[in-house]
N, C-alpha and C. Protein backbone atom coordinates (compact mmCIF):
# COMPACT_ATOMS: atom_id res chain seq x y z
N MET A 1 -27.18 -35.83 -9.99
CA MET A 1 -26.79 -36.68 -11.08
C MET A 1 -25.80 -36.32 -11.81
N LEU A 2 -25.35 -37.16 -12.62
CA LEU A 2 -23.63 -37.08 -13.49
C LEU A 2 -24.37 -37.01 -14.61
N ARG A 3 -24.11 -35.73 -15.43
CA ARG A 3 -24.40 -35.42 -16.75
C ARG A 3 -23.28 -34.24 -17.23
N MET A 4 -22.79 -34.40 -18.26
CA MET A 4 -21.92 -33.60 -19.09
C MET A 4 -22.60 -32.14 -19.14
N THR A 5 -22.36 -31.08 -18.61
CA THR A 5 -22.73 -29.74 -18.70
C THR A 5 -21.86 -28.71 -19.30
N LYS A 6 -22.27 -27.57 -20.06
CA LYS A 6 -21.13 -26.94 -20.44
C LYS A 6 -20.07 -26.00 -19.36
N LYS A 7 -20.65 -26.05 -18.23
CA LYS A 7 -19.90 -25.75 -16.97
C LYS A 7 -19.18 -26.82 -16.57
N LEU A 8 -19.38 -28.13 -16.42
CA LEU A 8 -18.46 -28.83 -16.20
C LEU A 8 -17.42 -29.13 -17.24
N LEU A 9 -17.77 -29.26 -18.66
CA LEU A 9 -16.92 -28.86 -19.80
C LEU A 9 -15.89 -27.96 -19.31
N PHE A 10 -16.38 -26.85 -19.43
CA PHE A 10 -15.36 -25.38 -19.19
C PHE A 10 -14.66 -25.52 -18.08
N ALA A 11 -15.21 -26.08 -17.14
CA ALA A 11 -14.64 -26.01 -15.62
C ALA A 11 -13.36 -27.36 -15.72
N ILE A 12 -13.04 -28.34 -16.51
CA ILE A 12 -12.54 -29.33 -16.62
C ILE A 12 -11.21 -28.58 -17.47
N GLU A 13 -11.84 -28.20 -18.63
CA GLU A 13 -11.08 -27.28 -19.63
C GLU A 13 -9.96 -26.09 -18.77
N ALA A 14 -10.77 -25.53 -18.19
CA ALA A 14 -9.98 -24.31 -17.28
C ALA A 14 -9.02 -24.89 -16.44
N VAL A 15 -9.09 -25.76 -15.84
CA VAL A 15 -7.92 -26.39 -14.97
C VAL A 15 -6.94 -26.82 -15.74
N LEU A 16 -7.50 -27.84 -16.63
CA LEU A 16 -6.31 -28.20 -17.68
C LEU A 16 -5.44 -27.35 -18.23
N ASP A 17 -6.05 -26.04 -18.80
CA ASP A 17 -5.11 -24.90 -19.32
C ASP A 17 -4.17 -24.37 -18.51
N ILE A 18 -4.64 -24.25 -16.97
CA ILE A 18 -3.98 -23.40 -15.60
C ILE A 18 -3.03 -24.65 -15.71
N ALA A 19 -3.26 -25.60 -15.85
CA ALA A 19 -1.82 -27.05 -15.49
C ALA A 19 -0.81 -26.86 -16.79
N TYR A 20 -1.63 -26.51 -17.72
CA TYR A 20 -0.46 -27.27 -19.22
C TYR A 20 0.05 -25.48 -19.38
N HIS A 21 -0.46 -24.73 -19.14
CA HIS A 21 0.35 -23.63 -19.66
C HIS A 21 0.79 -22.54 -18.20
N ALA A 22 0.74 -22.75 -16.95
CA ALA A 22 0.88 -22.05 -16.12
C ALA A 22 2.03 -21.47 -16.09
N GLY A 23 3.64 -22.32 -16.08
CA GLY A 23 4.97 -22.00 -15.62
C GLY A 23 4.99 -21.40 -14.79
N GLY A 24 5.64 -20.59 -14.35
CA GLY A 24 5.99 -19.89 -13.14
C GLY A 24 4.96 -18.79 -12.70
N GLU A 25 4.04 -18.35 -13.69
CA GLU A 25 3.58 -17.23 -13.27
C GLU A 25 2.06 -17.72 -13.04
N PRO A 26 1.09 -16.75 -12.50
CA PRO A 26 -0.36 -17.59 -12.69
C PRO A 26 -1.24 -17.13 -13.96
N VAL A 27 -1.89 -17.84 -14.47
CA VAL A 27 -2.88 -17.56 -15.54
C VAL A 27 -3.73 -17.01 -15.52
N GLN A 28 -4.31 -15.85 -16.14
CA GLN A 28 -4.88 -14.94 -16.11
C GLN A 28 -6.58 -15.83 -16.75
N SER A 29 -7.62 -15.22 -16.38
CA SER A 29 -8.85 -15.76 -16.69
C SER A 29 -9.33 -15.21 -18.11
N SER A 30 -8.71 -14.14 -18.43
CA SER A 30 -8.60 -13.89 -19.92
C SER A 30 -7.94 -14.60 -21.14
N ASP A 31 -6.78 -15.04 -20.43
CA ASP A 31 -6.16 -15.74 -21.42
C ASP A 31 -6.61 -17.12 -21.59
N ILE A 32 -7.45 -17.54 -20.47
CA ILE A 32 -7.90 -19.24 -20.52
C ILE A 32 -9.05 -18.82 -21.47
N THR A 33 -9.87 -17.60 -21.26
CA THR A 33 -11.01 -17.58 -22.14
C THR A 33 -10.69 -17.60 -23.79
N GLU A 34 -9.40 -16.41 -23.88
CA GLU A 34 -9.18 -16.65 -25.40
C GLU A 34 -8.39 -18.08 -25.86
N ARG A 35 -7.93 -18.37 -24.97
CA ARG A 35 -7.22 -19.86 -25.27
C ARG A 35 -8.19 -20.90 -25.68
N GLN A 36 -9.36 -21.14 -24.94
CA GLN A 36 -10.44 -22.33 -24.51
C GLN A 36 -11.53 -21.87 -25.34
N GLY A 37 -12.06 -20.31 -25.72
CA GLY A 37 -13.29 -19.59 -26.01
C GLY A 37 -14.24 -20.14 -24.90
N ILE A 38 -13.74 -19.78 -23.68
CA ILE A 38 -14.75 -20.34 -23.06
C ILE A 38 -15.59 -18.61 -22.44
N PRO A 39 -17.23 -18.48 -22.01
CA PRO A 39 -17.41 -17.52 -21.93
C PRO A 39 -17.17 -16.99 -20.72
N LYS A 40 -16.68 -15.80 -20.59
CA LYS A 40 -16.26 -14.96 -19.00
C LYS A 40 -17.22 -15.27 -17.84
N ARG A 41 -18.63 -15.36 -18.63
CA ARG A 41 -19.46 -15.73 -17.48
C ARG A 41 -19.48 -16.72 -16.61
N TYR A 42 -19.14 -18.11 -17.45
CA TYR A 42 -19.43 -18.97 -17.00
C TYR A 42 -17.86 -19.41 -15.98
N LEU A 43 -16.85 -18.61 -16.79
CA LEU A 43 -15.49 -19.08 -16.42
C LEU A 43 -15.06 -18.04 -14.91
N GLU A 44 -15.96 -16.94 -14.80
CA GLU A 44 -15.31 -16.39 -13.48
C GLU A 44 -15.83 -17.37 -12.20
N GLN A 45 -17.47 -17.97 -12.41
CA GLN A 45 -17.80 -18.45 -11.47
C GLN A 45 -17.55 -19.73 -11.37
N VAL A 46 -16.60 -20.10 -12.46
CA VAL A 46 -16.38 -21.75 -11.66
C VAL A 46 -15.14 -21.42 -11.37
N LEU A 47 -14.23 -20.81 -11.58
CA LEU A 47 -12.84 -20.54 -11.10
C LEU A 47 -12.68 -20.12 -9.83
N GLN A 48 -13.98 -19.47 -9.40
CA GLN A 48 -14.28 -18.88 -7.88
C GLN A 48 -14.39 -20.01 -6.59
N HIS A 49 -15.53 -21.20 -7.53
CA HIS A 49 -15.87 -22.30 -7.17
C HIS A 49 -14.48 -23.08 -6.90
N LEU A 50 -13.75 -23.21 -7.45
CA LEU A 50 -12.65 -24.03 -7.67
C LEU A 50 -11.34 -23.55 -6.80
N VAL A 51 -11.39 -22.34 -6.14
CA VAL A 51 -10.52 -21.50 -5.44
C VAL A 51 -11.27 -22.38 -4.06
N ARG A 52 -12.34 -22.20 -4.07
CA ARG A 52 -12.85 -22.42 -2.55
C ARG A 52 -12.76 -23.62 -1.89
N ALA A 53 -12.86 -24.48 -3.33
CA ALA A 53 -12.66 -26.00 -2.77
C ALA A 53 -11.12 -26.60 -2.93
N GLY A 54 -10.26 -25.27 -3.02
CA GLY A 54 -8.83 -25.75 -2.53
C GLY A 54 -8.40 -26.45 -4.29
N ILE A 55 -8.80 -26.18 -5.10
CA ILE A 55 -8.33 -27.20 -6.45
C ILE A 55 -7.33 -25.85 -6.94
N LEU A 56 -7.93 -24.70 -7.19
CA LEU A 56 -6.98 -23.35 -7.37
C LEU A 56 -6.93 -22.86 -6.50
N ALA A 57 -5.82 -21.88 -6.80
CA ALA A 57 -5.23 -20.25 -5.59
C ALA A 57 -5.40 -19.73 -6.51
N GLY A 58 -5.86 -18.29 -5.95
CA GLY A 58 -6.13 -17.36 -7.02
C GLY A 58 -5.14 -16.00 -6.54
N THR A 59 -4.70 -15.21 -7.27
CA THR A 59 -3.48 -13.99 -6.97
C THR A 59 -4.18 -13.09 -7.36
N ARG A 60 -4.37 -11.79 -6.73
CA ARG A 60 -4.87 -10.51 -7.00
C ARG A 60 -3.73 -9.74 -7.42
N GLY A 61 -4.36 -8.95 -8.49
CA GLY A 61 -3.55 -8.04 -8.76
C GLY A 61 -3.36 -7.70 -10.13
N PRO A 62 -2.38 -6.88 -10.60
CA PRO A 62 -2.61 -6.69 -12.28
C PRO A 62 -1.55 -8.04 -12.56
N ARG A 63 -0.92 -8.36 -12.05
CA ARG A 63 -0.11 -9.86 -12.47
C ARG A 63 -0.36 -11.06 -11.88
N GLY A 64 -1.77 -10.97 -11.81
CA GLY A 64 -2.39 -12.27 -10.73
C GLY A 64 -3.23 -13.06 -11.78
N GLY A 65 -3.99 -13.77 -11.08
CA GLY A 65 -4.66 -14.79 -11.99
C GLY A 65 -4.64 -16.30 -11.04
N TYR A 66 -4.29 -17.52 -11.86
CA TYR A 66 -4.93 -18.56 -10.83
C TYR A 66 -4.08 -19.46 -11.30
N ARG A 67 -3.46 -20.61 -10.30
CA ARG A 67 -2.63 -21.62 -10.66
C ARG A 67 -3.47 -22.59 -9.71
N LEU A 68 -2.97 -24.01 -9.93
CA LEU A 68 -3.35 -25.19 -8.90
C LEU A 68 -2.61 -24.98 -7.68
N ALA A 69 -3.75 -25.43 -6.73
CA ALA A 69 -3.63 -25.22 -5.67
C ALA A 69 -2.60 -26.55 -4.90
N ARG A 70 -2.52 -27.47 -5.79
CA ARG A 70 -1.85 -28.70 -5.37
C ARG A 70 -1.25 -29.30 -6.61
N GLU A 71 -0.06 -30.00 -6.43
CA GLU A 71 0.58 -30.71 -7.70
C GLU A 71 -0.54 -31.16 -8.48
N ARG A 72 0.00 -31.28 -9.98
CA ARG A 72 -1.13 -31.58 -10.95
C ARG A 72 -1.56 -32.99 -11.05
N ARG A 73 -0.75 -33.79 -10.14
CA ARG A 73 -0.92 -35.53 -10.05
C ARG A 73 -1.62 -35.29 -8.99
N ARG A 74 -2.30 -34.73 -8.21
CA ARG A 74 -2.86 -34.73 -6.79
C ARG A 74 -4.43 -34.04 -7.00
N VAL A 75 -4.75 -33.74 -8.26
CA VAL A 75 -6.07 -33.19 -8.50
C VAL A 75 -6.43 -34.14 -9.55
N SER A 76 -7.93 -34.83 -9.17
CA SER A 76 -8.62 -35.60 -10.19
C SER A 76 -9.76 -34.55 -10.82
N ILE A 77 -10.22 -35.71 -12.00
CA ILE A 77 -11.04 -35.20 -12.55
C ILE A 77 -12.21 -35.12 -11.44
N GLY A 78 -12.36 -35.86 -10.86
CA GLY A 78 -13.45 -36.36 -9.92
C GLY A 78 -13.31 -35.10 -8.85
N ASP A 79 -12.65 -34.73 -8.54
CA ASP A 79 -12.70 -33.19 -7.65
C ASP A 79 -13.07 -32.37 -8.00
N ILE A 80 -13.37 -31.99 -9.34
CA ILE A 80 -13.49 -30.99 -10.39
C ILE A 80 -14.93 -31.28 -10.71
N VAL A 81 -15.31 -32.57 -10.99
CA VAL A 81 -16.48 -32.88 -11.23
C VAL A 81 -17.52 -32.63 -9.94
N ARG A 82 -16.96 -33.14 -8.79
CA ARG A 82 -18.07 -32.85 -7.41
C ARG A 82 -17.81 -31.16 -7.03
N VAL A 83 -16.97 -30.46 -7.52
CA VAL A 83 -17.00 -28.91 -7.35
C VAL A 83 -18.23 -28.44 -8.27
N VAL A 84 -18.34 -28.80 -9.88
CA VAL A 84 -18.94 -28.07 -10.42
C VAL A 84 -20.68 -28.56 -9.75
N ARG A 85 -20.87 -30.25 -9.63
CA ARG A 85 -22.21 -30.97 -9.20
C ARG A 85 -22.27 -29.72 -7.91
N SER A 86 -21.59 -29.52 -7.16
CA SER A 86 -22.30 -28.71 -5.82
C SER A 86 -22.94 -27.34 -6.24
N MET A 87 -22.39 -27.15 -7.48
CA MET A 87 -22.96 -25.65 -8.27
C MET A 87 -24.20 -26.33 -8.74
N GLU A 88 -24.72 -26.98 -8.85
CA GLU A 88 -26.16 -27.11 -9.80
C GLU A 88 -27.28 -26.88 -8.74
N THR A 89 -28.35 -26.32 -9.20
CA THR A 89 -29.56 -25.86 -8.46
C THR A 89 -30.56 -26.80 -8.60
N ALA A 90 -30.45 -27.57 -9.68
CA ALA A 90 -31.95 -28.50 -10.22
C ALA A 90 -31.77 -29.55 -9.02
N PRO A 91 -32.88 -30.19 -8.86
CA PRO A 91 -32.98 -31.25 -8.11
C PRO A 91 -32.42 -32.72 -8.46
N ASP A 92 -31.81 -33.26 -8.19
CA ASP A 92 -31.64 -34.87 -8.95
C ASP A 92 -32.68 -35.70 -8.84
N PRO A 93 -33.08 -35.70 -10.17
CA PRO A 93 -34.13 -36.98 -10.20
C PRO A 93 -34.26 -38.26 -9.73
N LEU A 94 -32.99 -38.55 -9.32
CA LEU A 94 -32.79 -40.00 -8.56
C LEU A 94 -33.69 -39.38 -6.86
N ASP A 95 -33.30 -38.55 -6.24
CA ASP A 95 -33.98 -38.36 -5.55
C ASP A 95 -35.82 -38.05 -5.11
N ASP A 96 -36.32 -37.86 -6.27
CA ASP A 96 -37.29 -37.42 -6.23
C ASP A 96 -38.53 -39.06 -5.83
N PRO A 97 -39.41 -38.88 -4.77
CA PRO A 97 -40.39 -39.37 -4.72
C PRO A 97 -40.82 -40.40 -5.65
N ALA A 98 -41.66 -39.32 -6.57
CA ALA A 98 -42.02 -39.89 -7.28
C ALA A 98 -41.45 -41.28 -8.35
N GLY A 99 -42.40 -41.80 -8.74
CA GLY A 99 -42.26 -42.69 -9.81
C GLY A 99 -42.48 -44.35 -9.09
N SER A 100 -42.36 -44.92 -10.22
CA SER A 100 -43.04 -46.55 -10.28
C SER A 100 -42.07 -47.49 -9.10
N ILE A 101 -42.46 -48.42 -8.58
CA ILE A 101 -41.77 -49.49 -8.24
C ILE A 101 -40.73 -50.15 -9.09
N LEU A 102 -41.00 -50.12 -10.39
CA LEU A 102 -39.85 -50.61 -10.86
C LEU A 102 -38.60 -49.53 -11.36
N GLY A 103 -39.31 -48.23 -11.01
CA GLY A 103 -37.91 -47.06 -11.28
C GLY A 103 -37.10 -46.70 -9.77
N HIS A 104 -37.85 -47.18 -8.76
CA HIS A 104 -37.38 -46.88 -7.45
C HIS A 104 -36.38 -48.59 -7.27
N LYS A 105 -36.83 -49.32 -7.67
CA LYS A 105 -36.11 -50.75 -7.03
C LYS A 105 -34.81 -51.54 -8.15
N VAL A 106 -35.37 -51.01 -9.63
CA VAL A 106 -34.43 -51.36 -10.56
C VAL A 106 -33.73 -50.08 -11.36
N VAL A 107 -34.66 -49.03 -11.93
CA VAL A 107 -33.72 -48.38 -12.82
C VAL A 107 -32.63 -47.20 -11.99
N ARG A 108 -33.71 -46.68 -11.07
CA ARG A 108 -32.60 -45.69 -10.15
C ARG A 108 -31.32 -46.58 -9.67
N PRO A 109 -31.43 -47.64 -8.98
CA PRO A 109 -30.47 -48.41 -8.47
C PRO A 109 -29.05 -48.52 -9.74
N LEU A 110 -29.57 -48.74 -10.63
CA LEU A 110 -29.07 -48.84 -11.72
C LEU A 110 -28.13 -47.63 -12.35
N TRP A 111 -28.58 -46.58 -12.15
CA TRP A 111 -28.23 -45.02 -13.04
C TRP A 111 -27.40 -45.11 -11.47
N GLN A 112 -27.60 -45.23 -10.08
CA GLN A 112 -26.52 -44.99 -9.40
C GLN A 112 -25.48 -45.71 -9.52
N GLU A 113 -25.76 -46.93 -9.70
CA GLU A 113 -24.09 -47.61 -9.89
C GLU A 113 -23.35 -47.32 -10.92
N MET A 114 -23.73 -46.80 -12.06
CA MET A 114 -23.26 -46.65 -13.13
C MET A 114 -22.51 -45.12 -12.80
N GLN A 115 -23.33 -44.01 -12.21
CA GLN A 115 -22.76 -42.90 -11.95
C GLN A 115 -21.62 -43.18 -10.87
N GLU A 116 -21.53 -43.91 -10.14
CA GLU A 116 -20.12 -44.63 -9.17
C GLU A 116 -19.54 -45.18 -9.87
N ARG A 117 -19.75 -46.00 -10.93
CA ARG A 117 -18.55 -46.39 -11.56
C ARG A 117 -17.77 -45.13 -12.56
N CYS A 118 -18.78 -44.14 -12.80
CA CYS A 118 -18.38 -42.76 -13.92
C CYS A 118 -17.34 -42.57 -13.13
N MET A 119 -17.88 -42.50 -11.46
CA MET A 119 -16.80 -41.28 -10.51
C MET A 119 -15.60 -42.10 -10.28
N GLU A 120 -15.79 -43.48 -10.20
CA GLU A 120 -14.29 -44.01 -9.81
C GLU A 120 -13.38 -43.79 -10.94
N GLN A 121 -13.82 -43.94 -11.82
CA GLN A 121 -12.70 -43.77 -13.36
C GLN A 121 -12.37 -42.00 -13.34
N PHE A 122 -13.50 -41.19 -13.21
CA PHE A 122 -12.98 -39.56 -12.99
C PHE A 122 -11.76 -39.63 -11.71
N ASP A 123 -12.15 -39.91 -10.48
CA ASP A 123 -11.25 -40.25 -9.55
C ASP A 123 -9.67 -40.75 -9.51
N ALA A 124 -10.06 -41.48 -10.85
CA ALA A 124 -8.64 -42.43 -11.09
C ALA A 124 -7.88 -41.37 -12.55
N MET A 125 -8.26 -40.40 -12.84
CA MET A 125 -7.98 -40.04 -14.03
C MET A 125 -7.08 -38.07 -13.32
N THR A 126 -6.42 -37.89 -13.20
CA THR A 126 -5.40 -37.08 -12.85
C THR A 126 -5.31 -35.93 -14.05
N ILE A 127 -5.19 -34.59 -13.63
CA ILE A 127 -4.88 -33.19 -14.41
C ILE A 127 -3.36 -33.87 -15.19
N GLU A 128 -2.94 -34.20 -14.19
CA GLU A 128 -1.54 -34.64 -15.03
C GLU A 128 -1.37 -35.51 -16.33
N ASP A 129 -2.42 -36.90 -15.83
CA ASP A 129 -2.90 -37.67 -17.30
C ASP A 129 -3.32 -36.84 -18.33
N LEU A 130 -4.08 -35.87 -18.07
CA LEU A 130 -4.68 -35.28 -19.20
C LEU A 130 -3.63 -34.01 -19.67
N CYS A 131 -2.63 -33.77 -19.02
CA CYS A 131 -1.58 -32.80 -19.37
C CYS A 131 -0.64 -33.85 -20.45
N ASP A 132 -0.01 -34.89 -20.10
CA ASP A 132 0.61 -35.95 -21.14
C ASP A 132 -0.35 -36.12 -21.99
N LYS A 133 -1.27 -36.29 -22.09
CA LYS A 133 -2.40 -36.36 -23.51
C LYS A 133 -2.08 -35.23 -24.14
N ALA A 134 -1.87 -34.05 -23.76
CA ALA A 134 -2.23 -32.64 -24.36
C ALA A 134 -0.86 -32.48 -25.09
N LYS A 135 0.34 -32.87 -24.17
CA LYS A 135 1.54 -33.25 -24.99
C LYS A 135 1.73 -34.07 -25.71
N GLY A 136 0.89 -35.14 -25.74
CA GLY A 136 1.35 -36.46 -26.67
C GLY A 136 0.45 -36.39 -28.35
N SER A 137 -0.51 -35.29 -28.08
CA SER A 137 -1.32 -34.67 -28.92
C SER A 137 -0.45 -33.68 -30.07
N GLY A 138 0.76 -33.39 -29.27
CA GLY A 138 1.63 -32.22 -30.07
C GLY A 138 0.96 -31.01 -29.87
N ILE A 139 -0.11 -30.80 -28.52
CA ILE A 139 -0.02 -29.22 -28.43
C ILE A 139 0.75 -28.70 -27.50
N GLU A 140 1.33 -27.77 -28.03
CA GLU A 140 2.06 -26.74 -27.35
C GLU A 140 1.89 -26.12 -26.31
N SER A 141 2.65 -26.30 -24.88
CA SER A 141 2.40 -25.69 -24.02
C SER A 141 2.91 -24.23 -24.07
N ILE A 142 2.14 -22.86 -23.34
CA ILE A 142 2.69 -21.45 -23.43
C ILE A 142 4.03 -21.66 -22.56
N ALA A 143 4.08 -22.25 -21.57
CA ALA A 143 4.73 -22.35 -20.42
C ALA A 143 5.81 -22.71 -20.94
N THR A 144 6.27 -23.70 -21.69
CA THR A 144 7.42 -23.52 -22.58
C THR A 144 8.00 -22.99 -23.44
N LYS A 145 7.02 -21.79 -23.71
CA LYS A 145 7.61 -20.59 -24.84
C LYS A 145 7.90 -19.64 -23.98
N ALA A 146 7.45 -19.46 -22.68
CA ALA A 146 7.94 -17.93 -21.56
C ALA A 146 9.01 -18.53 -21.11
N PHE A 147 10.05 -19.30 -21.32
CA PHE A 147 11.18 -19.31 -20.47
C PHE A 147 12.23 -18.11 -21.29
N ASP A 148 12.76 -17.32 -20.27
CA ASP A 148 13.99 -16.87 -21.42
C ASP A 148 15.29 -17.27 -20.73
N TYR A 149 16.01 -17.62 -21.59
CA TYR A 149 17.40 -17.90 -21.02
C TYR A 149 18.83 -16.94 -21.56
N THR A 150 17.90 -15.47 -21.85
CA THR A 150 19.14 -14.75 -21.76
C THR A 150 19.51 -14.48 -20.37
N ILE A 151 21.31 -13.68 -20.38
CA ILE A 151 21.87 -14.00 -19.23
C ILE A 151 22.36 -12.45 -19.36
């Protein structure tokens, strides 16, 4: 079932943070935690699932961190939603056989249709779109500060 959870919100924010602030170096989870206020216990778990799903790439070591595994215009919000939904352990109430005939024939199909429409919207929106919104909102990117033009 599609619902906004802290984990989903944090996952989208973390991927956006990585895309927006990466520059040429990987982004460390401690930097994401500091900038976004995401508890480390949520963040590390979500980041590892995003790596396994091919949305992020992880680099180990003292200068390691995370970066997008593909171009930000090729990562949709729907991709992130699916990863986080796969982490959920609670059963989907739409799959529960209990309920009335009205629930099974009218309400659940309506809810399923609404979820499908919502996922279509999420699939159409990319991390690049969110980066453009962040830039348009006047949020400064750490990546633009990181360049040193000293010769």
